[in-house]
């Protein structure tokens, strides 16, 4: 049954990775103001691109989502106006 153990181990590892990614995303979402993001960018600048790849991807995704929601709010789309 080594095959079953390997599959189980793989699933457990993937769940742990997803949980860690969600936690990191939540922690990074707290950096919202310009000053906070500048401080974070300075910290990230001390590391290589490979080391910060996941963080940069999360931040880019969060920024895109914020821009999208700001654009939707400013245009009144989805506001139920007729």
PDB file of N, CA and C in Angstrom:
ATOM      1  N   UNK A   1       0.785  -1.209   0.000  1.00  0.00           N
ATOM      2  CA  UNK A   1       0.000   0.000   0.000  1.00  0.00           C
ATOM      3  C   UNK A   1       0.832   1.280   0.000  1.00  0.00           C
ATOM      4  N   UNK A   2       2.088   1.223  -0.440  1.00  0.00           N
ATOM      5  CA  UNK A   2       2.888   2.452  -0.469  1.00  0.00           C
ATOM      6  C   UNK A   2       2.279   3.510  -1.394  1.00  0.00           C
ATOM      7  N   UNK A   3       1.624   3.052  -2.454  1.00  0.00           N
ATOM      8  CA  UNK A   3       1.003   3.985  -3.391  1.00  0.00           C
ATOM      9  C   UNK A   3      -0.066   4.818  -2.693  1.00  0.00           C
ATOM     10  N   UNK A   4      -0.902   4.178  -1.898  1.00  0.00           N
ATOM     11  CA  UNK A   4      -1.965   4.880  -1.158  1.00  0.00           C
ATOM     12  C   UNK A   4      -1.344   5.873  -0.172  1.00  0.00           C
ATOM     13  N   UNK A   5      -0.279   5.460   0.510  1.00  0.00           N
ATOM     14  CA  UNK A   5       0.385   6.358   1.470  1.00  0.00           C
ATOM     15  C   UNK A   5       0.945   7.589   0.762  1.00  0.00           C
ATOM     16  N   UNK A   6       1.502   7.389  -0.421  1.00  0.00           N
ATOM     17  CA  UNK A   6       2.058   8.516  -1.177  1.00  0.00           C
ATOM     18  C   UNK A   6       0.961   9.487  -1.610  1.00  0.00           C
ATOM     19  N   UNK A   7      -0.154   8.949  -2.042  1.00  0.00           N
ATOM     20  CA  UNK A   7      -1.279   9.806  -2.435  1.00  0.00           C
ATOM     21  C   UNK A   7      -1.786  10.587  -1.230  1.00  0.00           C
ATOM     22  N   UNK A   8      -1.943   9.901  -0.127  1.00  0.00           N
ATOM     23  CA  UNK A   8      -2.420  10.563   1.094  1.00  0.00           C
ATOM     24  C   UNK A   8      -1.455  11.656   1.525  1.00  0.00           C
ATOM     25  N   UNK A   9      -0.161  11.356   1.485  1.00  0.00           N
ATOM     26  CA  UNK A   9       0.861  12.334   1.859  1.00  0.00           C
ATOM     27  C   UNK A   9       0.807  13.543   0.918  1.00  0.00           C
ATOM     28  N   UNK A  10       0.620  13.287  -0.355  1.00  0.00           N
ATOM     29  CA  UNK A  10       0.532  14.350  -1.338  1.00  0.00           C
ATOM     30  C   UNK A  10      -0.672  15.254  -1.073  1.00  0.00           C
ATOM     31  N   UNK A  11      -1.798  14.660  -0.775  1.00  0.00           N
ATOM     32  CA  UNK A  11      -3.010  15.435  -0.495  1.00  0.00           C
ATOM     33  C   UNK A  11      -2.825  16.278   0.763  1.00  0.00           C
ATOM     34  N   UNK A  12      -2.265  15.688   1.794  1.00  0.00           N
ATOM     35  CA  UNK A  12      -2.028  16.413   3.048  1.00  0.00           C
ATOM     36  C   UNK A  12      -1.078  17.590   2.803  1.00  0.00           C
ATOM     37  N   UNK A  13      -0.029  17.372   2.011  1.00  0.00           N
ATOM     38  CA  UNK A  13       0.918  18.445   1.696  1.00  0.00           C
ATOM     39  C   UNK A  13       0.254  19.577   0.922  1.00  0.00           C
ATOM     40  N   UNK A  14      -0.582  19.219  -0.047  1.00  0.00           N
ATOM     41  CA  UNK A  14      -1.280  20.247  -0.837  1.00  0.00           C
ATOM     42  C   UNK A  14      -2.232  21.053   0.023  1.00  0.00           C
ATOM     43  N   UNK A  15      -2.935  20.390   0.928  1.00  0.00           N
ATOM     44  CA  UNK A  15      -3.835  21.109   1.835  1.00  0.00           C
ATOM     45  C   UNK A  15      -3.052  22.063   2.739  1.00  0.00           C
ATOM     46  N   UNK A  16      -1.908  21.614   3.224  1.00  0.00           N
ATOM     47  CA  UNK A  16      -1.070  22.469   4.076  1.00  0.00           C
ATOM     48  C   UNK A  16      -0.550  23.670   3.283  1.00  0.00           C
ATOM     49  N   UNK A  17      -0.150  23.440   2.037  1.00  0.00           N
ATOM     50  CA  UNK A  17       0.322  24.535   1.190  1.00  0.00           C
ATOM     51  C   UNK A  17      -0.778  25.546   0.926  1.00  0.00           C
ATOM     52  N   UNK A  18      -1.974  25.078   0.647  1.00  0.00           N
ATOM     53  CA  UNK A  18      -3.108  25.985   0.416  1.00  0.00           C
ATOM     54  C   UNK A  18      -3.441  26.788   1.660  1.00  0.00           C
ATOM     55  N   UNK A  19      -3.413  26.128   2.797  1.00  0.00           N
ATOM     56  CA  UNK A  19      -3.690  26.811   4.065  1.00  0.00           C
ATOM     57  C   UNK A  19      -2.641  27.900   4.310  1.00  0.00           C
ATOM     58  N   UNK A  20      -1.386  27.577   4.091  1.00  0.00           N
ATOM     59  CA  UNK A  20      -0.304  28.544   4.277  1.00  0.00           C
ATOM     60  C   UNK A  20      -0.442  29.712   3.290  1.00  0.00           C
ATOM     61  N   UNK A  21      -0.833  29.420   2.053  1.00  0.00           N
ATOM     62  CA  UNK A  21      -1.021  30.467   1.045  1.00  0.00           C
ATOM     63  C   UNK A  21      -2.164  31.405   1.447  1.00  0.00           C
ATOM     64  N   UNK A  22      -3.255  30.839   1.922  1.00  0.00           N
ATOM     65  CA  UNK A  22      -4.387  31.669   2.369  1.00  0.00           C
ATOM     66  C   UNK A  22      -3.980  32.547   3.543  1.00  0.00           C
ATOM     67  N   UNK A  23      -3.222  31.991   4.473  1.00  0.00           N
ATOM     68  CA  UNK A  23      -2.779  32.763   5.635  1.00  0.00           C
ATOM     69  C   UNK A  23      -1.845  33.894   5.191  1.00  0.00           C
ATOM     70  N   UNK A  24      -0.913  33.596   4.307  1.00  0.00           N
ATOM     71  CA  UNK A  24      -0.011  34.624   3.796  1.00  0.00           C
ATOM     72  C   UNK A  24      -0.795  35.707   3.069  1.00  0.00           C
ATOM     73  N   UNK A  25      -1.777  35.323   2.277  1.00  0.00           N
ATOM     74  CA  UNK A  25      -2.616  36.302   1.568  1.00  0.00           C
ATOM     75  C   UNK A  25      -3.338  37.214   2.545  1.00  0.00           C
ATOM     76  N   UNK A  26      -3.881  36.639   3.605  1.00  0.00           N
ATOM     77  CA  UNK A  26      -4.589  37.438   4.610  1.00  0.00           C
ATOM     78  C   UNK A  26      -3.634  38.403   5.306  1.00  0.00           C
ATOM     79  N   UNK A  27      -2.438  37.939   5.612  1.00  0.00           N
ATOM     80  CA  UNK A  27      -1.452  38.805   6.276  1.00  0.00           C
ATOM     81  C   UNK A  27      -1.012  39.939   5.351  1.00  0.00           C
ATOM     82  N   UNK A  28      -0.814  39.639   4.081  1.00  0.00           N
ATOM     83  CA  UNK A  28      -0.394  40.668   3.136  1.00  0.00           C
ATOM     84  C   UNK A  28      -1.507  41.675   2.854  1.00  0.00           C
ATOM     85  N   UNK A  29      -2.745  41.244   2.959  1.00  0.00           N
ATOM     86  CA  UNK A  29      -3.875  42.150   2.716  1.00  0.00           C
ATOM     87  C   UNK A  29      -3.912  43.280   3.741  1.00  0.00           C
ATOM     88  N   UNK A  30      -3.258  43.099   4.876  1.00  0.00           N
ATOM     89  CA  UNK A  30      -3.234  44.128   5.911  1.00  0.00           C
ATOM     90  C   UNK A  30      -2.375  45.323   5.499  1.00  0.00           C
ATOM     91  N   UNK A  31      -1.481  45.145   4.521  1.00  0.00           N
ATOM     92  CA  UNK A  31      -0.631  46.239   4.046  1.00  0.00           C
ATOM     93  C   UNK A  31      -1.407  47.015   2.987  1.00  0.00           C
ATOM     94  N   UNK A  32      -2.198  47.997   3.402  1.00  0.00           N
ATOM     95  CA  UNK A  32      -3.087  48.681   2.469  1.00  0.00           C
ATOM     96  C   UNK A  32      -2.653  50.099   2.149  1.00  0.00           C
ATOM     97  N   UNK A  33      -2.139  50.823   3.136  1.00  0.00           N
ATOM     98  CA  UNK A  33      -1.809  52.227   2.885  1.00  0.00           C
ATOM     99  C   UNK A  33      -0.521  52.324   2.070  1.00  0.00           C
ATOM    100  N   UNK A  34      -0.314  53.485   1.495  1.00  0.00           N
ATOM    101  CA  UNK A  34       0.890  53.714   0.699  1.00  0.00           C
ATOM    102  C   UNK A  34       2.140  53.517   1.562  1.00  0.00           C
ATOM    103  N   UNK A  35       2.124  54.026   2.780  1.00  0.00           N
ATOM    104  CA  UNK A  35       3.276  53.899   3.679  1.00  0.00           C
ATOM    105  C   UNK A  35       3.547  52.435   4.027  1.00  0.00           C
ATOM    106  N   UNK A  36       2.493  51.684   4.286  1.00  0.00           N
ATOM    107  CA  UNK A  36       2.664  50.257   4.613  1.00  0.00           C
ATOM    108  C   UNK A  36       3.227  49.485   3.427  1.00  0.00           C
ATOM    109  N   UNK A  37       2.709  49.779   2.244  1.00  0.00           N
ATOM    110  CA  UNK A  37       3.194  49.081   1.047  1.00  0.00           C
ATOM    111  C   UNK A  37       4.635  49.462   0.737  1.00  0.00           C
ATOM    112  N   UNK A  38       4.985  50.734   0.962  1.00  0.00           N
ATOM    113  CA  UNK A  38       6.364  51.166   0.747  1.00  0.00           C
ATOM    114  C   UNK A  38       7.301  50.424   1.686  1.00  0.00           C
ATOM    115  N   UNK A  39       6.913  50.310   2.944  1.00  0.00           N
ATOM    116  CA  UNK A  39       7.726  49.583   3.919  1.00  0.00           C
ATOM    117  C   UNK A  39       7.877  48.114   3.506  1.00  0.00           C
ATOM    118  N   UNK A  40       6.784  47.511   3.069  1.00  0.00           N
ATOM    119  CA  UNK A  40       6.825  46.119   2.626  1.00  0.00           C
ATOM    120  C   UNK A  40       7.722  45.976   1.404  1.00  0.00           C
ATOM    121  N   UNK A  41       7.606  46.891   0.454  1.00  0.00           N
ATOM    122  CA  UNK A  41       8.448  46.849  -0.746  1.00  0.00           C
ATOM    123  C   UNK A  41       9.926  46.963  -0.390  1.00  0.00           C
ATOM    124  N   UNK A  42      10.245  47.786   0.599  1.00  0.00           N
ATOM    125  CA  UNK A  42      11.640  47.913   1.037  1.00  0.00           C
ATOM    126  C   UNK A  42      12.140  46.596   1.630  1.00  0.00           C
ATOM    127  N   UNK A  43      11.302  45.944   2.415  1.00  0.00           N
ATOM    128  CA  UNK A  43      11.679  44.651   2.993  1.00  0.00           C
ATOM    129  C   UNK A  43      11.876  43.608   1.896  1.00  0.00           C
ATOM    130  N   UNK A  44      10.968  43.596   0.932  1.00  0.00           N
ATOM    131  CA  UNK A  44      11.058  42.619  -0.157  1.00  0.00           C
ATOM    132  C   UNK A  44      12.274  42.881  -1.034  1.00  0.00           C
ATOM    133  N   UNK A  45      12.665  44.151  -1.145  1.00  0.00           N
ATOM    134  CA  UNK A  45      13.810  44.514  -1.964  1.00  0.00           C
ATOM    135  C   UNK A  45      15.127  43.940  -1.460  1.00  0.00           C
ATOM    136  N   UNK A  46      15.145  43.471  -0.242  1.00  0.00           N
ATOM    137  CA  UNK A  46      16.358  42.876   0.331  1.00  0.00           C
ATOM    138  C   UNK A  46      16.524  41.414  -0.068  1.00  0.00           C
ATOM    139  N   UNK A  47      15.568  40.894  -0.809  1.00  0.00           N
ATOM    140  CA  UNK A  47      15.572  39.480  -1.170  1.00  0.00           C
ATOM    141  C   UNK A  47      15.558  39.328  -2.685  1.00  0.00           C
ATOM    142  N   UNK A  48      15.873  38.144  -3.142  1.00  0.00           N
ATOM    143  CA  UNK A  48      15.886  37.880  -4.579  1.00  0.00           C
ATOM    144  C   UNK A  48      14.457  37.749  -5.108  1.00  0.00           C
ATOM    145  N   UNK A  49      14.337  37.865  -6.414  1.00  0.00           N
ATOM    146  CA  UNK A  49      13.031  37.709  -7.058  1.00  0.00           C
ATOM    147  C   UNK A  49      12.460  36.324  -6.802  1.00  0.00           C
ATOM    148  N   UNK A  50      13.317  35.329  -6.799  1.00  0.00           N
ATOM    149  CA  UNK A  50      12.856  33.958  -6.551  1.00  0.00           C
ATOM    150  C   UNK A  50      12.291  33.824  -5.132  1.00  0.00           C
ATOM    151  N   UNK A  51      12.943  34.463  -4.178  1.00  0.00           N
ATOM    152  CA  UNK A  51      12.489  34.383  -2.790  1.00  0.00           C
ATOM    153  C   UNK A  51      11.157  35.098  -2.577  1.00  0.00           C
ATOM    154  N   UNK A  52      10.899  36.127  -3.357  1.00  0.00           N
ATOM    155  CA  UNK A  52       9.683  36.931  -3.152  1.00  0.00           C
ATOM    156  C   UNK A  52       8.602  36.664  -4.194  1.00  0.00           C
ATOM    157  N   UNK A  53       8.839  35.692  -5.071  1.00  0.00           N
ATOM    158  CA  UNK A  53       7.909  35.419  -6.176  1.00  0.00           C
ATOM    159  C   UNK A  53       6.475  35.227  -5.716  1.00  0.00           C
ATOM    160  N   UNK A  54       6.258  34.383  -4.717  1.00  0.00           N
ATOM    161  CA  UNK A  54       4.899  34.106  -4.251  1.00  0.00           C
ATOM    162  C   UNK A  54       4.263  35.355  -3.633  1.00  0.00           C
ATOM    163  N   UNK A  55       5.031  36.083  -2.858  1.00  0.00           N
ATOM    164  CA  UNK A  55       4.505  37.299  -2.221  1.00  0.00           C
ATOM    165  C   UNK A  55       4.132  38.326  -3.277  1.00  0.00           C
ATOM    166  N   UNK A  56       5.011  38.532  -4.261  1.00  0.00           N
ATOM    167  CA  UNK A  56       4.724  39.495  -5.331  1.00  0.00           C
ATOM    168  C   UNK A  56       3.468  39.097  -6.113  1.00  0.00           C
ATOM    169  N   UNK A  57       3.299  37.821  -6.367  1.00  0.00           N
ATOM    170  CA  UNK A  57       2.114  37.352  -7.090  1.00  0.00           C
ATOM    171  C   UNK A  57       0.848  37.639  -6.288  1.00  0.00           C
ATOM    172  N   UNK A  58       0.900  37.392  -4.996  1.00  0.00           N
ATOM    173  CA  UNK A  58      -0.262  37.664  -4.141  1.00  0.00           C
ATOM    174  C   UNK A  58      -0.563  39.155  -4.123  1.00  0.00           C
ATOM    175  N   UNK A  59       0.466  39.974  -3.930  1.00  0.00           N
ATOM    176  CA  UNK A  59       0.266  41.425  -3.893  1.00  0.00           C
ATOM    177  C   UNK A  59      -0.295  41.946  -5.208  1.00  0.00           C
ATOM    178  N   UNK A  60       0.227  41.453  -6.326  1.00  0.00           N
ATOM    179  CA  UNK A  60      -0.288  41.878  -7.635  1.00  0.00           C
ATOM    180  C   UNK A  60      -1.750  41.496  -7.797  1.00  0.00           C
ATOM    181  N   UNK A  61      -2.103  40.305  -7.366  1.00  0.00           N
ATOM    182  CA  UNK A  61      -3.487  39.854  -7.448  1.00  0.00           C
ATOM    183  C   UNK A  61      -4.398  40.719  -6.569  1.00  0.00           C
ATOM    184  N   UNK A  62      -3.945  41.015  -5.369  1.00  0.00           N
ATOM    185  CA  UNK A  62      -4.744  41.848  -4.468  1.00  0.00           C
ATOM    186  C   UNK A  62      -4.898  43.263  -5.020  1.00  0.00           C
ATOM    187  N   UNK A  63      -3.817  43.809  -5.583  1.00  0.00           N
ATOM    188  CA  UNK A  63      -3.899  45.147  -6.185  1.00  0.00           C
ATOM    189  C   UNK A  63      -4.891  45.166  -7.348  1.00  0.00           C
ATOM    190  N   UNK A  64      -4.838  44.145  -8.194  1.00  0.00           N
ATOM    191  CA  UNK A  64      -5.755  44.075  -9.331  1.00  0.00           C
ATOM    192  C   UNK A  64      -7.202  43.980  -8.845  1.00  0.00           C
ATOM    193  N   UNK A  65      -7.425  43.203  -7.811  1.00  0.00           N
ATOM    194  CA  UNK A  65      -8.785  43.067  -7.281  1.00  0.00           C
ATOM    195  C   UNK A  65      -9.277  44.397  -6.701  1.00  0.00           C
ATOM    196  N   UNK A  66      -8.413  45.104  -5.992  1.00  0.00           N
ATOM    197  CA  UNK A  66      -8.801  46.420  -5.443  1.00  0.00           C
ATOM    198  C   UNK A  66      -9.105  47.417  -6.555  1.00  0.00           C
ATOM    199  N   UNK A  67      -8.262  47.423  -7.610  1.00  0.00           N
ATOM    200  CA  UNK A  67      -8.511  48.336  -8.735  1.00  0.00           C
ATOM    201  C   UNK A  67      -9.831  47.997  -9.415  1.00  0.00           C
ATOM    202  N   UNK A  68     -10.095  46.723  -9.577  1.00  0.00           N
ATOM    203  CA  UNK A  68     -11.346  46.295 -10.211  1.00  0.00           C
ATOM    204  C   UNK A  68     -12.547  46.764  -9.396  1.00  0.00           C
ATOM    205  N   UNK A  69     -12.505  46.524  -8.084  1.00  0.00           N
ATOM    206  CA  UNK A  69     -13.631  46.915  -7.236  1.00  0.00           C
ATOM    207  C   UNK A  69     -13.792  48.433  -7.196  1.00  0.00           C
ATOM    208  N   UNK A  70     -12.690  49.169  -7.209  1.00  0.00           N
ATOM    209  CA  UNK A  70     -12.773  50.637  -7.235  1.00  0.00           C
ATOM    210  C   UNK A  70     -13.388  51.103  -8.550  1.00  0.00           C
ATOM    211  N   UNK A  71     -13.019  50.466  -9.666  1.00  0.00           N
ATOM    212  CA  UNK A  71     -13.576  50.845 -10.962  1.00  0.00           C
ATOM    213  C   UNK A  71     -15.061  50.521 -11.033  1.00  0.00           C
ATOM    214  N   UNK A  72     -15.452  49.384 -10.502  1.00  0.00           N
ATOM    215  CA  UNK A  72     -16.861  48.995 -10.521  1.00  0.00           C
ATOM    216  C   UNK A  72     -17.668  49.964  -9.667  1.00  0.00           C
ATOM    217  N   UNK A  73     -17.148  50.324  -8.505  1.00  0.00           N
ATOM    218  CA  UNK A  73     -17.868  51.258  -7.634  1.00  0.00           C
ATOM    219  C   UNK A  73     -17.992  52.625  -8.276  1.00  0.00           C
ATOM    220  N   UNK A  74     -16.920  53.111  -8.894  1.00  0.00           N
ATOM    221  CA  UNK A  74     -16.943  54.452  -9.478  1.00  0.00           C
ATOM    222  C   UNK A  74     -17.831  54.517 -10.715  1.00  0.00           C
ATOM    223  N   UNK A  75     -17.987  53.399 -11.417  1.00  0.00           N
ATOM    224  CA  UNK A  75     -18.812  53.418 -12.628  1.00  0.00           C
ATOM    225  C   UNK A  75     -20.279  53.118 -12.318  1.00  0.00           C
ATOM    226  N   UNK A  76     -20.538  52.662 -11.106  1.00  0.00           N
ATOM    227  CA  UNK A  76     -21.906  52.354 -10.733  1.00  0.00           C
ATOM    228  C   UNK A  76     -22.394  51.025 -11.278  1.00  0.00           C
ATOM    229  N   UNK A  77     -21.517  50.241 -11.877  1.00  0.00           N
ATOM    230  CA  UNK A  77     -21.897  48.939 -12.422  1.00  0.00           C
ATOM    231  C   UNK A  77     -22.259  48.019 -11.263  1.00  0.00           C
ATOM    232  N   UNK A  78     -23.363  47.336 -11.405  1.00  0.00           N
ATOM    233  CA  UNK A  78     -23.776  46.389 -10.379  1.00  0.00           C
ATOM    234  C   UNK A  78     -24.426  47.043  -9.182  1.00  0.00           C
ATOM    235  N   UNK A  79     -24.667  48.336  -9.260  1.00  0.00           N
ATOM    236  CA  UNK A  79     -25.250  49.052  -8.135  1.00  0.00           C
ATOM    237  C   UNK A  79     -26.765  48.985  -8.080  1.00  0.00           C
ATOM    238  N   UNK A  80     -27.347  48.354  -9.064  1.00  0.00           N
ATOM    239  CA  UNK A  80     -28.797  48.216  -9.066  1.00  0.00           C
ATOM    240  C   UNK A  80     -29.531  49.467  -9.548  1.00  0.00           C
ATOM    241  N   UNK A  81     -28.812  50.384 -10.189  1.00  0.00           N
ATOM    242  CA  UNK A  81     -29.443  51.588 -10.708  1.00  0.00           C
ATOM    243  C   UNK A  81     -30.113  51.274 -12.038  1.00  0.00           C
ATOM    244  N   UNK A  82     -31.319  51.791 -12.203  1.00  0.00           N
ATOM    245  CA  UNK A  82     -32.014  51.544 -13.461  1.00  0.00           C
ATOM    246  C   UNK A  82     -32.228  52.802 -14.236  1.00  0.00           C
TER     247      UNK A  82
END
